[in-house]
Amino acid sequence: MNPSDKKRNASKQLQIKHLDHMLWLSTPLGKFLSSVKNQSKRVLAGKEIAPKNKLRSWVVRLPSSFLGYKRMGPAGFQTIVIAEDSDSALEKAADCDVWDVLDTPITSLEVFLKDPIEGKVTSR
């Protein structure tokens, strides 16, 4: 085969692939998948997602029954700690001496962010 024939065949193959791609994008499934692909790029490009190594405020709640206070009824205790994630927040809460008494019923251990949507995050 001649080198010019190889170039011509390669050029035809590229044209066929391009036409095949254009045909795929004209189908309903191709349009849908390309729009989903573009949307996911826009969603993941946000700068407001907090990096993992940032310290945040966490609320830790314990029911009174976990601590052996049966006369308090369904009430519980709460503290706020600053940690990287929920596991380290629970560990820091175990060492905490300041707990608030809650009047609302607490039936299970709860660990959640104090401010789930916060603009500024404290760095380490």
PDB file of N, CA and C in Angstrom:
ATOM      1  N   MET A   1       0.822  -1.180   0.000  1.00  0.00           N
ATOM      2  CA  MET A   1       0.000   0.000   0.000  1.00  0.00           C
ATOM      3  C   MET A   1       0.867   1.245   0.000  1.00  0.00           C
ATOM      4  N   ASN A   2       0.453   2.178  -0.711  1.00  0.00           N
ATOM      5  CA  ASN A   2       1.130   3.447  -0.897  1.00  0.00           C
ATOM      6  C   ASN A   2       0.942   4.329   0.353  1.00  0.00           C
ATOM      7  N   PRO A   3       1.937   5.138   0.780  1.00  0.00           N
ATOM      8  CA  PRO A   3       1.751   6.019   1.943  1.00  0.00           C
ATOM      9  C   PRO A   3       0.611   7.018   1.743  1.00  0.00           C
ATOM     10  N   SER A   4       0.406   7.471   0.528  1.00  0.00           N
ATOM     11  CA  SER A   4      -0.698   8.401   0.298  1.00  0.00           C
ATOM     12  C   SER A   4      -2.042   7.693   0.448  1.00  0.00           C
ATOM     13  N   ASP A   5      -2.107   6.390   0.072  1.00  0.00           N
ATOM     14  CA  ASP A   5      -3.333   5.615   0.269  1.00  0.00           C
ATOM     15  C   ASP A   5      -3.620   5.437   1.769  1.00  0.00           C
ATOM     16  N   LYS A   6      -2.566   5.248   2.573  1.00  0.00           N
ATOM     17  CA  LYS A   6      -2.740   5.101   4.021  1.00  0.00           C
ATOM     18  C   LYS A   6      -3.302   6.391   4.619  1.00  0.00           C
ATOM     19  N   LYS A   7      -2.771   7.534   4.149  1.00  0.00           N
ATOM     20  CA  LYS A   7      -3.263   8.816   4.654  1.00  0.00           C
ATOM     21  C   LYS A   7      -4.715   9.033   4.261  1.00  0.00           C
ATOM     22  N   ARG A   8      -5.051   8.647   3.037  1.00  0.00           N
ATOM     23  CA  ARG A   8      -6.417   8.811   2.555  1.00  0.00           C
ATOM     24  C   ARG A   8      -7.370   7.918   3.360  1.00  0.00           C
ATOM     25  N   ASN A   9      -6.957   6.670   3.620  1.00  0.00           N
ATOM     26  CA  ASN A   9      -7.793   5.756   4.414  1.00  0.00           C
ATOM     27  C   ASN A   9      -7.968   6.277   5.848  1.00  0.00           C
ATOM     28  N   ALA A  10      -6.869   6.800   6.421  1.00  0.00           N
ATOM     29  CA  ALA A  10      -6.957   7.346   7.777  1.00  0.00           C
ATOM     30  C   ALA A  10      -7.884   8.555   7.800  1.00  0.00           C
ATOM     31  N   SER A  11      -7.823   9.383   6.792  1.00  0.00           N
ATOM     32  CA  SER A  11      -8.695  10.554   6.708  1.00  0.00           C
ATOM     33  C   SER A  11     -10.156  10.137   6.583  1.00  0.00           C
ATOM     34  N   LYS A  12     -10.414   9.094   5.756  1.00  0.00           N
ATOM     35  CA  LYS A  12     -11.788   8.598   5.612  1.00  0.00           C
ATOM     36  C   LYS A  12     -12.300   8.023   6.923  1.00  0.00           C
ATOM     37  N   GLN A  13     -11.425   7.313   7.652  1.00  0.00           N
ATOM     38  CA  GLN A  13     -11.826   6.739   8.933  1.00  0.00           C
ATOM     39  C   GLN A  13     -12.194   7.841   9.925  1.00  0.00           C
ATOM     40  N   LEU A  14     -11.409   8.929   9.953  1.00  0.00           N
ATOM     41  CA  LEU A  14     -11.722  10.050  10.841  1.00  0.00           C
ATOM     42  C   LEU A  14     -13.046  10.702  10.472  1.00  0.00           C
ATOM     43  N   GLN A  15     -13.293  10.824   9.182  1.00  0.00           N
ATOM     44  CA  GLN A  15     -14.561  11.404   8.736  1.00  0.00           C
ATOM     45  C   GLN A  15     -15.726  10.510   9.126  1.00  0.00           C
ATOM     46  N   ILE A  16     -15.532   9.190   8.977  1.00  0.00           N
ATOM     47  CA  ILE A  16     -16.595   8.237   9.347  1.00  0.00           C
ATOM     48  C   ILE A  16     -16.864   8.312  10.852  1.00  0.00           C
ATOM     49  N   LYS A  17     -15.788   8.375  11.669  1.00  0.00           N
ATOM     50  CA  LYS A  17     -15.974   8.477  13.124  1.00  0.00           C
ATOM     51  C   LYS A  17     -16.694   9.774  13.499  1.00  0.00           C
ATOM     52  N   HIS A  18     -16.334  10.858  12.816  1.00  0.00           N
ATOM     53  CA  HIS A  18     -16.982  12.140  13.087  1.00  0.00           C
ATOM     54  C   HIS A  18     -18.466  12.085  12.717  1.00  0.00           C
ATOM     55  N   LEU A  19     -18.780  11.511  11.554  1.00  0.00           N
ATOM     56  CA  LEU A  19     -20.182  11.381  11.142  1.00  0.00           C
ATOM     57  C   LEU A  19     -20.951  10.463  12.083  1.00  0.00           C
ATOM     58  N   ASP A  20     -20.290   9.397  12.514  1.00  0.00           N
ATOM     59  CA  ASP A  20     -20.924   8.465  13.450  1.00  0.00           C
ATOM     60  C   ASP A  20     -21.243   9.180  14.761  1.00  0.00           C
ATOM     61  N   HIS A  21     -20.315  10.009  15.237  1.00  0.00           N
ATOM     62  CA  HIS A  21     -20.537  10.756  16.480  1.00  0.00           C
ATOM     63  C   HIS A  21     -21.678  11.762  16.311  1.00  0.00           C
ATOM     64  N   MET A  22     -21.707  12.447  15.172  1.00  0.00           N
ATOM     65  CA  MET A  22     -22.785  13.401  14.912  1.00  0.00           C
ATOM     66  C   MET A  22     -24.136  12.695  14.833  1.00  0.00           C
ATOM     67  N   LEU A  23     -24.165  11.512  14.239  1.00  0.00           N
ATOM     68  CA  LEU A  23     -25.398  10.736  14.149  1.00  0.00           C
ATOM     69  C   LEU A  23     -25.854  10.319  15.547  1.00  0.00           C
ATOM     70  N   TRP A  24     -24.898   9.897  16.386  1.00  0.00           N
ATOM     71  CA  TRP A  24     -25.221   9.494  17.759  1.00  0.00           C
ATOM     72  C   TRP A  24     -25.815  10.673  18.535  1.00  0.00           C
ATOM     73  N   LEU A  25     -25.228  11.869  18.387  1.00  0.00           N
ATOM     74  CA  LEU A  25     -25.726  13.041  19.111  1.00  0.00           C
ATOM     75  C   LEU A  25     -27.102  13.482  18.628  1.00  0.00           C
ATOM     76  N   SER A  26     -27.493  13.079  17.430  1.00  0.00           N
ATOM     77  CA  SER A  26     -28.814  13.459  16.918  1.00  0.00           C
ATOM     78  C   SER A  26     -29.917  12.545  17.445  1.00  0.00           C
ATOM     79  N   THR A  27     -29.567  11.390  18.024  1.00  0.00           N
ATOM     80  CA  THR A  27     -30.585  10.486  18.571  1.00  0.00           C
ATOM     81  C   THR A  27     -31.047  11.011  19.928  1.00  0.00           C
ATOM     82  N   PRO A  28     -32.245  10.642  20.373  1.00  0.00           N
ATOM     83  CA  PRO A  28     -32.734  11.110  21.680  1.00  0.00           C
ATOM     84  C   PRO A  28     -31.823  10.683  22.842  1.00  0.00           C
ATOM     85  N   LEU A  29     -31.332   9.444  22.803  1.00  0.00           N
ATOM     86  CA  LEU A  29     -30.457   8.974  23.876  1.00  0.00           C
ATOM     87  C   LEU A  29     -29.134   9.728  23.860  1.00  0.00           C
ATOM     88  N   GLY A  30     -28.603   9.987  22.681  1.00  0.00           N
ATOM     89  CA  GLY A  30     -27.359  10.746  22.583  1.00  0.00           C
ATOM     90  C   GLY A  30     -27.514  12.156  23.112  1.00  0.00           C
ATOM     91  N   LYS A  31     -28.647  12.797  22.798  1.00  0.00           N
ATOM     92  CA  LYS A  31     -28.908  14.150  23.307  1.00  0.00           C
ATOM     93  C   LYS A  31     -29.014  14.144  24.832  1.00  0.00           C
ATOM     94  N   PHE A  32     -29.725  13.145  25.357  1.00  0.00           N
ATOM     95  CA  PHE A  32     -29.903  13.062  26.803  1.00  0.00           C
ATOM     96  C   PHE A  32     -28.568  12.854  27.508  1.00  0.00           C
ATOM     97  N   LEU A  33     -27.766  11.899  27.023  1.00  0.00           N
ATOM     98  CA  LEU A  33     -26.497  11.615  27.675  1.00  0.00           C
ATOM     99  C   LEU A  33     -25.518  12.782  27.577  1.00  0.00           C
ATOM    100  N   SER A  34     -25.529  13.495  26.465  1.00  0.00           N
ATOM    101  CA  SER A  34     -24.628  14.642  26.361  1.00  0.00           C
ATOM    102  C   SER A  34     -25.081  15.767  27.288  1.00  0.00           C
ATOM    103  N   SER A  35     -26.387  15.950  27.479  1.00  0.00           N
ATOM    104  CA  SER A  35     -26.852  16.991  28.395  1.00  0.00           C
ATOM    105  C   SER A  35     -26.545  16.613  29.842  1.00  0.00           C
ATOM    106  N   VAL A  36     -26.666  15.338  30.203  1.00  0.00           N
ATOM    107  CA  VAL A  36     -26.336  14.896  31.553  1.00  0.00           C
ATOM    108  C   VAL A  36     -24.844  15.070  31.808  1.00  0.00           C
ATOM    109  N   LYS A  37     -24.043  14.774  30.816  1.00  0.00           N
ATOM    110  CA  LYS A  37     -22.601  14.916  30.953  1.00  0.00           C
ATOM    111  C   LYS A  37     -22.226  16.381  31.193  1.00  0.00           C
ATOM    112  N   ASN A  38     -22.878  17.301  30.492  1.00  0.00           N
ATOM    113  CA  ASN A  38     -22.602  18.718  30.675  1.00  0.00           C
ATOM    114  C   ASN A  38     -23.089  19.215  32.028  1.00  0.00           C
ATOM    115  N   GLN A  39     -24.223  18.717  32.500  1.00  0.00           N
ATOM    116  CA  GLN A  39     -24.748  19.144  33.801  1.00  0.00           C
ATOM    117  C   GLN A  39     -23.838  18.684  34.925  1.00  0.00           C
ATOM    118  N   SER A  40     -23.337  17.452  34.843  1.00  0.00           N
ATOM    119  CA  SER A  40     -22.480  16.959  35.915  1.00  0.00           C
ATOM    120  C   SER A  40     -21.195  17.759  35.996  1.00  0.00           C
ATOM    121  N   LYS A  41     -20.680  18.261  34.887  1.00  0.00           N
ATOM    122  CA  LYS A  41     -19.488  19.100  34.928  1.00  0.00           C
ATOM    123  C   LYS A  41     -19.785  20.397  35.667  1.00  0.00           C
ATOM    124  N   ARG A  42     -20.943  20.970  35.446  1.00  0.00           N
ATOM    125  CA  ARG A  42     -21.299  22.220  36.107  1.00  0.00           C
ATOM    126  C   ARG A  42     -21.504  22.017  37.600  1.00  0.00           C
ATOM    127  N   VAL A  43     -22.099  20.919  37.998  1.00  0.00           N
ATOM    128  CA  VAL A  43     -22.382  20.671  39.410  1.00  0.00           C
ATOM    129  C   VAL A  43     -21.100  20.427  40.181  1.00  0.00           C
ATOM    130  N   LEU A  44     -20.184  19.643  39.645  1.00  0.00           N
ATOM    131  CA  LEU A  44     -18.971  19.290  40.367  1.00  0.00           C
ATOM    132  C   LEU A  44     -17.928  20.399  40.370  1.00  0.00           C
ATOM    133  N   ALA A  45     -18.119  21.427  39.588  1.00  0.00           N
ATOM    134  CA  ALA A  45     -17.129  22.492  39.525  1.00  0.00           C
ATOM    135  C   ALA A  45     -17.332  23.539  40.608  1.00  0.00           C
ATOM    136  N   GLY A  46     -18.297  23.346  41.517  1.00  0.00           N
ATOM    137  CA  GLY A  46     -18.575  24.328  42.560  1.00  0.00           C
ATOM    138  C   GLY A  46     -17.422  24.465  43.537  1.00  0.00           C
ATOM    139  N   LYS A  47     -17.194  25.703  43.995  1.00  0.00           N
ATOM    140  CA  LYS A  47     -16.112  25.964  44.939  1.00  0.00           C
ATOM    141  C   LYS A  47     -16.609  25.979  46.370  1.00  0.00           C
ATOM    142  N   GLU A  48     -17.909  25.827  46.579  1.00  0.00           N
ATOM    143  CA  GLU A  48     -18.462  25.931  47.923  1.00  0.00           C
ATOM    144  C   GLU A  48     -18.466  24.602  48.671  1.00  0.00           C
ATOM    145  N   ILE A  49     -17.953  23.561  48.053  1.00  0.00           N
ATOM    146  CA  ILE A  49     -17.861  22.270  48.734  1.00  0.00           C
ATOM    147  C   ILE A  49     -16.673  22.329  49.680  1.00  0.00           C
ATOM    148  N   ALA A  50     -16.910  22.014  50.936  1.00  0.00           N
ATOM    149  CA  ALA A  50     -15.848  22.107  51.935  1.00  0.00           C
ATOM    150  C   ALA A  50     -14.860  20.961  51.761  1.00  0.00           C
ATOM    151  N   PRO A  51     -13.574  21.247  51.725  1.00  0.00           N
ATOM    152  CA  PRO A  51     -12.582  20.175  51.657  1.00  0.00           C
ATOM    153  C   PRO A  51     -12.623  19.317  52.909  1.00  0.00           C
ATOM    154  N   LYS A  52     -12.098  18.104  52.794  1.00  0.00           N
ATOM    155  CA  LYS A  52     -12.201  17.157  53.905  1.00  0.00           C
ATOM    156  C   LYS A  52     -11.355  17.552  55.113  1.00  0.00           C
ATOM    157  N   ASN A  53     -10.255  18.254  54.918  1.00  0.00           N
ATOM    158  CA  ASN A  53      -9.356  18.555  56.019  1.00  0.00           C
ATOM    159  C   ASN A  53      -9.669  19.878  56.709  1.00  0.00           C
ATOM    160  N   LYS A  54     -10.910  20.279  56.730  1.00  0.00           N
ATOM    161  CA  LYS A  54     -11.314  21.521  57.380  1.00  0.00           C
ATOM    162  C   LYS A  54     -12.055  21.216  58.671  1.00  0.00           C
ATOM    163  N   LEU A  55     -11.848  22.079  59.656  1.00  0.00           N
ATOM    164  CA  LEU A  55     -12.527  21.919  60.935  1.00  0.00           C
ATOM    165  C   LEU A  55     -13.895  22.588  60.859  1.00  0.00           C
ATOM    166  N   ARG A  56     -14.896  21.884  61.369  1.00  0.00           N
ATOM    167  CA  ARG A  56     -16.269  22.402  61.365  1.00  0.00           C
ATOM    168  C   ARG A  56     -16.918  22.132  62.708  1.00  0.00           C
ATOM    169  N   SER A  57     -17.987  22.858  62.984  1.00  0.00           N
ATOM    170  CA  SER A  57     -18.724  22.683  64.243  1.00  0.00           C
ATOM    171  C   SER A  57     -19.709  21.526  64.104  1.00  0.00           C
ATOM    172  N   TRP A  58     -19.668  20.608  65.070  1.00  0.00           N
ATOM    173  CA  TRP A  58     -20.547  19.436  65.077  1.00  0.00           C
ATOM    174  C   TRP A  58     -21.364  19.424  66.358  1.00  0.00           C
ATOM    175  N   VAL A  59     -22.612  19.004  66.253  1.00  0.00           N
ATOM    176  CA  VAL A  59     -23.497  18.845  67.410  1.00  0.00           C
ATOM    177  C   VAL A  59     -23.569  17.358  67.732  1.00  0.00           C
ATOM    178  N   VAL A  60     -23.339  17.030  69.000  1.00  0.00           N
ATOM    179  CA  VAL A  60     -23.412  15.637  69.450  1.00  0.00           C
ATOM    180  C   VAL A  60     -24.506  15.564  70.505  1.00  0.00           C
ATOM    181  N   ARG A  61     -25.488  14.700  70.297  1.00  0.00           N
ATOM    182  CA  ARG A  61     -26.591  14.524  71.247  1.00  0.00           C
ATOM    183  C   ARG A  61     -26.621  13.093  71.745  1.00  0.00           C
ATOM    184  N   LEU A  62     -26.841  12.959  73.046  1.00  0.00           N
ATOM    185  CA  LEU A  62     -26.939  11.651  73.688  1.00  0.00           C
ATOM    186  C   LEU A  62     -28.243  11.558  74.463  1.00  0.00           C
ATOM    187  N   PRO A  63     -28.954  10.442  74.354  1.00  0.00           N
ATOM    188  CA  PRO A  63     -30.139  10.270  75.206  1.00  0.00           C
ATOM    189  C   PRO A  63     -29.715  10.022  76.654  1.00  0.00           C
ATOM    190  N   SER A  64     -30.545  10.432  77.583  1.00  0.00           N
ATOM    191  CA  SER A  64     -30.207  10.264  79.000  1.00  0.00           C
ATOM    192  C   SER A  64     -30.120   8.793  79.387  1.00  0.00           C
ATOM    193  N   SER A  65     -30.837   7.938  78.670  1.00  0.00           N
ATOM    194  CA  SER A  65     -30.797   6.506  78.991  1.00  0.00           C
ATOM    195  C   SER A  65     -29.423   5.900  78.702  1.00  0.00           C
ATOM    196  N   PHE A  66     -28.652   6.490  77.783  1.00  0.00           N
ATOM    197  CA  PHE A  66     -27.298   6.000  77.502  1.00  0.00           C
ATOM    198  C   PHE A  66     -26.374   6.208  78.697  1.00  0.00           C
ATOM    199  N   LEU A  67     -26.690   7.235  79.498  1.00  0.00           N
ATOM    200  CA  LEU A  67     -25.826   7.576  80.626  1.00  0.00           C
ATOM    201  C   LEU A  67     -26.373   7.079  81.954  1.00  0.00           C
ATOM    202  N   GLY A  68     -27.498   6.401  81.937  1.00  0.00           N
ATOM    203  CA  GLY A  68     -28.065   5.818  83.144  1.00  0.00           C
ATOM    204  C   GLY A  68     -28.985   6.736  83.927  1.00  0.00           C
ATOM    205  N   TYR A  69     -29.396   7.850  83.358  1.00  0.00           N
ATOM    206  CA  TYR A  69     -30.331   8.768  84.012  1.00  0.00           C
ATOM    207  C   TYR A  69     -31.749   8.385  83.621  1.00  0.00           C
ATOM    208  N   LYS A  70     -32.375   7.496  84.369  1.00  0.00           N
ATOM    209  CA  LYS A  70     -33.715   7.015  84.020  1.00  0.00           C
ATOM    210  C   LYS A  70     -34.799   7.987  84.482  1.00  0.00           C
ATOM    211  N   ARG A  71     -34.534   8.776  85.516  1.00  0.00           N
ATOM    212  CA  ARG A  71     -35.557   9.684  86.033  1.00  0.00           C
ATOM    213  C   ARG A  71     -35.782  10.879  85.107  1.00  0.00           C
ATOM    214  N   MET A  72     -34.866  11.166  84.210  1.00  0.00           N
ATOM    215  CA  MET A  72     -35.016  12.302  83.303  1.00  0.00           C
ATOM    216  C   MET A  72     -36.023  12.021  82.194  1.00  0.00           C
ATOM    217  N   GLY A  73     -36.383  10.787  82.008  1.00  0.00           N
ATOM    218  CA  GLY A  73     -37.317  10.431  80.942  1.00  0.00           C
ATOM    219  C   GLY A  73     -36.615  10.402  79.591  1.00  0.00           C
ATOM    220  N   PRO A  74     -37.305  10.836  78.531  1.00  0.00           N
ATOM    221  CA  PRO A  74     -36.719  10.733  77.194  1.00  0.00           C
ATOM    222  C   PRO A  74     -35.790  11.889  76.829  1.00  0.00           C
ATOM    223  N   ALA A  75     -35.476  12.777  77.784  1.00  0.00           N
ATOM    224  CA  ALA A  75     -34.622  13.921  77.479  1.00  0.00           C
ATOM    225  C   ALA A  75     -33.196  13.451  77.221  1.00  0.00           C
ATOM    226  N   GLY A  76     -32.330  14.409  76.918  1.00  0.00           N
ATOM    227  CA  GLY A  76     -30.961  14.035  76.630  1.00  0.00           C
ATOM    228  C   GLY A  76     -29.998  15.175  76.852  1.00  0.00           C
ATOM    229  N   PHE A  77     -28.771  14.982  76.369  1.00  0.00           N
ATOM    230  CA  PHE A  77     -27.710  15.954  76.529  1.00  0.00           C
ATOM    231  C   PHE A  77     -27.148  16.320  75.161  1.00  0.00           C
ATOM    232  N   GLN A  78     -26.574  17.528  75.073  1.00  0.00           N
ATOM    233  CA  GLN A  78     -26.022  18.009  73.814  1.00  0.00           C
ATOM    234  C   GLN A  78     -24.759  18.809  74.076  1.00  0.00           C
ATOM    235  N   THR A  79     -23.784  18.660  73.183  1.00  0.00           N
ATOM    236  CA  THR A  79     -22.592  19.491  73.207  1.00  0.00           C
ATOM    237  C   THR A  79     -22.191  19.820  71.775  1.00  0.00           C
ATOM    238  N   ILE A  80     -21.413  20.884  71.636  1.00  0.00           N
ATOM    239  CA  ILE A  80     -20.926  21.293  70.314  1.00  0.00           C
ATOM    240  C   ILE A  80     -19.410  21.237  70.346  1.00  0.00           C
ATOM    241  N   VAL A  81     -18.828  20.533  69.381  1.00  0.00           N
ATOM    242  CA  VAL A  81     -17.375  20.400  69.291  1.00  0.00           C
ATOM    243  C   VAL A  81     -16.921  20.796  67.889  1.00  0.00           C
ATOM    244  N   ILE A  82     -15.635  21.056  67.753  1.00  0.00           N
ATOM    245  CA  ILE A  82     -15.059  21.397  66.456  1.00  0.00           C
ATOM    246  C   ILE A  82     -14.147  20.247  66.046  1.00  0.00           C
ATOM    247  N   ALA A  83     -14.464  19.656  64.873  1.00  0.00           N
ATOM    248  CA  ALA A  83     -13.715  18.494  64.396  1.00  0.00           C
ATOM    249  C   ALA A  83     -13.775  18.427  62.877  1.00  0.00           C
ATOM    250  N   GLU A  84     -13.014  17.481  62.316  1.00  0.00           N
ATOM    251  CA  GLU A  84     -12.982  17.314  60.858  1.00  0.00           C
ATOM    252  C   GLU A  84     -14.174  16.523  60.335  1.00  0.00           C
ATOM    253  N   ASP A  85     -14.560  15.472  61.060  1.00  0.00           N
ATOM    254  CA  ASP A  85     -15.658  14.624  60.604  1.00  0.00           C
ATOM    255  C   ASP A  85     -16.461  14.155  61.807  1.00  0.00           C
ATOM    256  N   SER A  86     -17.514  13.374  61.542  1.00  0.00           N
ATOM    257  CA  SER A  86     -18.415  12.961  62.618  1.00  0.00           C
ATOM    258  C   SER A  86     -17.741  12.000  63.601  1.00  0.00           C
ATOM    259  N   ASP A  87     -16.841  11.157  63.123  1.00  0.00           N
ATOM    260  CA  ASP A  87     -16.159  10.220  64.027  1.00  0.00           C
ATOM    261  C   ASP A  87     -15.255  10.958  65.020  1.00  0.00           C
ATOM    262  N   SER A  88     -14.477  11.895  64.515  1.00  0.00           N
ATOM    263  CA  SER A  88     -13.601  12.645  65.420  1.00  0.00           C
ATOM    264  C   SER A  88     -14.421  13.576  66.316  1.00  0.00           C
ATOM    265  N   ALA A  89     -15.587  14.022  65.840  1.00  0.00           N
ATOM    266  CA  ALA A  89     -16.471  14.837  66.682  1.00  0.00           C
ATOM    267  C   ALA A  89     -16.974  14.019  67.869  1.00  0.00           C
ATOM    268  N   LEU A  90     -17.315  12.784  67.633  1.00  0.00           N
ATOM    269  CA  LEU A  90     -17.780  11.921  68.716  1.00  0.00           C
ATOM    270  C   LEU A  90     -16.658  11.651  69.721  1.00  0.00           C
ATOM    271  N   GLU A  91     -15.441  11.471  69.222  1.00  0.00           N
ATOM    272  CA  GLU A  91     -14.302  11.258  70.113  1.00  0.00           C
ATOM    273  C   GLU A  91     -14.030  12.503  70.965  1.00  0.00           C
ATOM    274  N   LYS A  92     -14.111  13.682  70.361  1.00  0.00           N
ATOM    275  CA  LYS A  92     -13.890  14.919  71.122  1.00  0.00           C
ATOM    276  C   LYS A  92     -15.013  15.155  72.122  1.00  0.00           C
ATOM    277  N   ALA A  93     -16.237  14.776  71.775  1.00  0.00           N
ATOM    278  CA  ALA A  93     -17.363  14.944  72.699  1.00  0.00           C
ATOM    279  C   ALA A  93     -17.205  14.050  73.922  1.00  0.00           C
ATOM    280  N   ALA A  94     -16.568  12.895  73.754  1.00  0.00           N
ATOM    281  CA  ALA A  94     -16.353  12.000  74.894  1.00  0.00           C
ATOM    282  C   ALA A  94     -15.435  12.647  75.927  1.00  0.00           C
ATOM    283  N   ASP A  95     -14.548  13.531  75.486  1.00  0.00           N
ATOM    284  CA  ASP A  95     -13.634  14.214  76.403  1.00  0.00           C
ATOM    285  C   ASP A  95     -14.187  15.547  76.898  1.00  0.00           C
ATOM    286  N   CYS A  96     -15.354  15.952  76.415  1.00  0.00           N
ATOM    287  CA  CYS A  96     -15.932  17.249  76.756  1.00  0.00           C
ATOM    288  C   CYS A  96     -16.600  17.208  78.140  1.00  0.00           C
ATOM    289  N   ASP A  97     -16.417  18.295  78.908  1.00  0.00           N
ATOM    290  CA  ASP A  97     -17.013  18.385  80.244  1.00  0.00           C
ATOM    291  C   ASP A  97     -18.269  19.233  80.270  1.00  0.00           C
ATOM    292  N   VAL A  98     -18.564  19.963  79.189  1.00  0.00           N
ATOM    293  CA  VAL A  98     -19.703  20.875  79.155  1.00  0.00           C
ATOM    294  C   VAL A  98     -20.790  20.284  78.259  1.00  0.00           C
ATOM    295  N   TRP A  99     -21.920  19.913  78.892  1.00  0.00           N
ATOM    296  CA  TRP A  99     -23.056  19.347  78.162  1.00  0.00           C
ATOM    297  C   TRP A  99     -24.309  20.128  78.540  1.00  0.00           C
ATOM    298  N   ASP A 100     -25.123  20.445  77.558  1.00  0.00           N
ATOM    299  CA  ASP A 100     -26.396  21.118  77.812  1.00  0.00           C
ATOM    300  C   ASP A 100     -27.487  20.063  77.967  1.00  0.00           C
ATOM    301  N   VAL A 101     -28.432  20.311  78.890  1.00  0.00           N
ATOM    302  CA  VAL A 101     -29.562  19.405  79.090  1.00  0.00           C
ATOM    303  C   VAL A 101     -30.679  19.823  78.137  1.00  0.00           C
ATOM    304  N   LEU A 102     -31.212  18.865  77.402  1.00  0.00           N
ATOM    305  CA  LEU A 102     -32.284  19.135  76.438  1.00  0.00           C
ATOM    306  C   LEU A 102     -33.629  18.720  77.015  1.00  0.00           C
ATOM    307  N   ASP A 103     -34.658  19.476  76.684  1.00  0.00           N
ATOM    308  CA  ASP A 103     -36.013  19.129  77.113  1.00  0.00           C
ATOM    309  C   ASP A 103     -36.711  18.243  76.093  1.00  0.00           C
ATOM    310  N   THR A 104     -36.239  18.259  74.882  1.00  0.00           N
ATOM    311  CA  THR A 104     -36.877  17.462  73.819  1.00  0.00           C
ATOM    312  C   THR A 104     -36.434  16.008  73.920  1.00  0.00           C
ATOM    313  N   PRO A 105     -37.296  15.093  73.529  1.00  0.00           N
ATOM    314  CA  PRO A 105     -36.933  13.680  73.613  1.00  0.00           C
ATOM    315  C   PRO A 105     -35.833  13.314  72.608  1.00  0.00           C
ATOM    316  N   ILE A 106     -34.824  12.618  73.108  1.00  0.00           N
ATOM    317  CA  ILE A 106     -33.734  12.106  72.280  1.00  0.00           C
ATOM    318  C   ILE A 106     -33.739  10.590  72.458  1.00  0.00           C
ATOM    319  N   THR A 107     -33.910   9.868  71.364  1.00  0.00           N
ATOM    320  CA  THR A 107     -34.015   8.405  71.466  1.00  0.00           C
ATOM    321  C   THR A 107     -32.760   7.677  71.009  1.00  0.00           C
ATOM    322  N   SER A 108     -31.882   8.377  70.279  1.00  0.00           N
ATOM    323  CA  SER A 108     -30.674   7.711  69.803  1.00  0.00           C
ATOM    324  C   SER A 108     -29.525   8.710  69.746  1.00  0.00           C
ATOM    325  N   LEU A 109     -28.327   8.188  69.605  1.00  0.00           N
ATOM    326  CA  LEU A 109     -27.138   9.015  69.469  1.00  0.00           C
ATOM    327  C   LEU A 109     -27.207   9.773  68.145  1.00  0.00           C
ATOM    328  N   GLU A 110     -26.967  11.090  68.185  1.00  0.00           N
ATOM    329  CA  GLU A 110     -27.032  11.906  66.977  1.00  0.00           C
ATOM    330  C   GLU A 110     -25.771  12.744  66.868  1.00  0.00           C
ATOM    331  N   VAL A 111     -25.138  12.725  65.682  1.00  0.00           N
ATOM    332  CA  VAL A 111     -23.988  13.572  65.381  1.00  0.00           C
ATOM    333  C   VAL A 111     -24.271  14.224  64.038  1.00  0.00           C
ATOM    334  N   PHE A 112     -24.321  15.563  64.011  1.00  0.00           N
ATOM    335  CA  PHE A 112     -24.612  16.268  62.762  1.00  0.00           C
ATOM    336  C   PHE A 112     -23.927  17.627  62.766  1.00  0.00           C
ATOM    337  N   LEU A 113     -23.809  18.218  61.580  1.00  0.00           N
ATOM    338  CA  LEU A 113     -23.175  19.525  61.451  1.00  0.00           C
ATOM    339  C   LEU A 113     -24.043  20.614  62.065  1.00  0.00           C
ATOM    340  N   LYS A 114     -23.421  21.538  62.775  1.00  0.00           N
ATOM    341  CA  LYS A 114     -24.158  22.658  63.348  1.00  0.00           C
ATOM    342  C   LYS A 114     -24.643  23.578  62.241  1.00  0.00           C
ATOM    343  N   ASP A 115     -23.768  23.903  61.301  1.00  0.00           N
ATOM    344  CA  ASP A 115     -24.108  24.743  60.150  1.00  0.00           C
ATOM    345  C   ASP A 115     -23.789  23.970  58.878  1.00  0.00           C
ATOM    346  N   PRO A 116     -24.743  23.211  58.338  1.00  0.00           N
ATOM    347  CA  PRO A 116     -24.445  22.410  57.140  1.00  0.00           C
ATOM    348  C   PRO A 116     -24.017  23.228  55.947  1.00  0.00           C
ATOM    349  N   ILE A 117     -24.546  24.452  55.834  1.00  0.00           N
ATOM    350  CA  ILE A 117     -24.195  25.310  54.703  1.00  0.00           C
ATOM    351  C   ILE A 117     -23.526  26.552  55.289  1.00  0.00           C
ATOM    352  N   GLU A 118     -22.230  26.478  55.417  1.00  0.00           N
ATOM    353  CA  GLU A 118     -21.526  27.632  55.951  1.00  0.00           C
ATOM    354  C   GLU A 118     -20.545  28.144  54.912  1.00  0.00           C
ATOM    355  N   GLY A 119     -20.461  29.445  54.795  1.00  0.00           N
ATOM    356  CA  GLY A 119     -19.622  30.072  53.773  1.00  0.00           C
ATOM    357  C   GLY A 119     -18.150  29.930  54.071  1.00  0.00           C
ATOM    358  N   LYS A 120     -17.744  30.324  55.257  1.00  0.00           N
ATOM    359  CA  LYS A 120     -16.327  30.246  55.619  1.00  0.00           C
ATOM    360  C   LYS A 120     -16.113  29.046  56.503  1.00  0.00           C
ATOM    361  N   VAL A 121     -15.048  28.328  56.225  1.00  0.00           N
ATOM    362  CA  VAL A 121     -14.708  27.148  57.002  1.00  0.00           C
ATOM    363  C   VAL A 121     -13.355  27.411  57.658  1.00  0.00           C
ATOM    364  N   THR A 122     -13.237  27.081  58.932  1.00  0.00           N
ATOM    365  CA  THR A 122     -11.999  27.292  59.657  1.00  0.00           C
ATOM    366  C   THR A 122     -10.980  26.261  59.227  1.00  0.00           C
ATOM    367  N   SER A 123      -9.798  26.691  58.829  1.00  0.00           N
ATOM    368  CA  SER A 123      -8.767  25.734  58.420  1.00  0.00           C
ATOM    369  C   SER A 123      -7.921  25.333  59.614  1.00  0.00           C
ATOM    370  N   ARG A 124      -7.229  24.232  59.461  1.00  0.00           N
ATOM    371  CA  ARG A 124      -6.403  23.708  60.534  1.00  0.00           C
ATOM    372  C   ARG A 124      -5.183  24.525  60.767  1.00  0.00           C
TER     373      ARG A 124
END
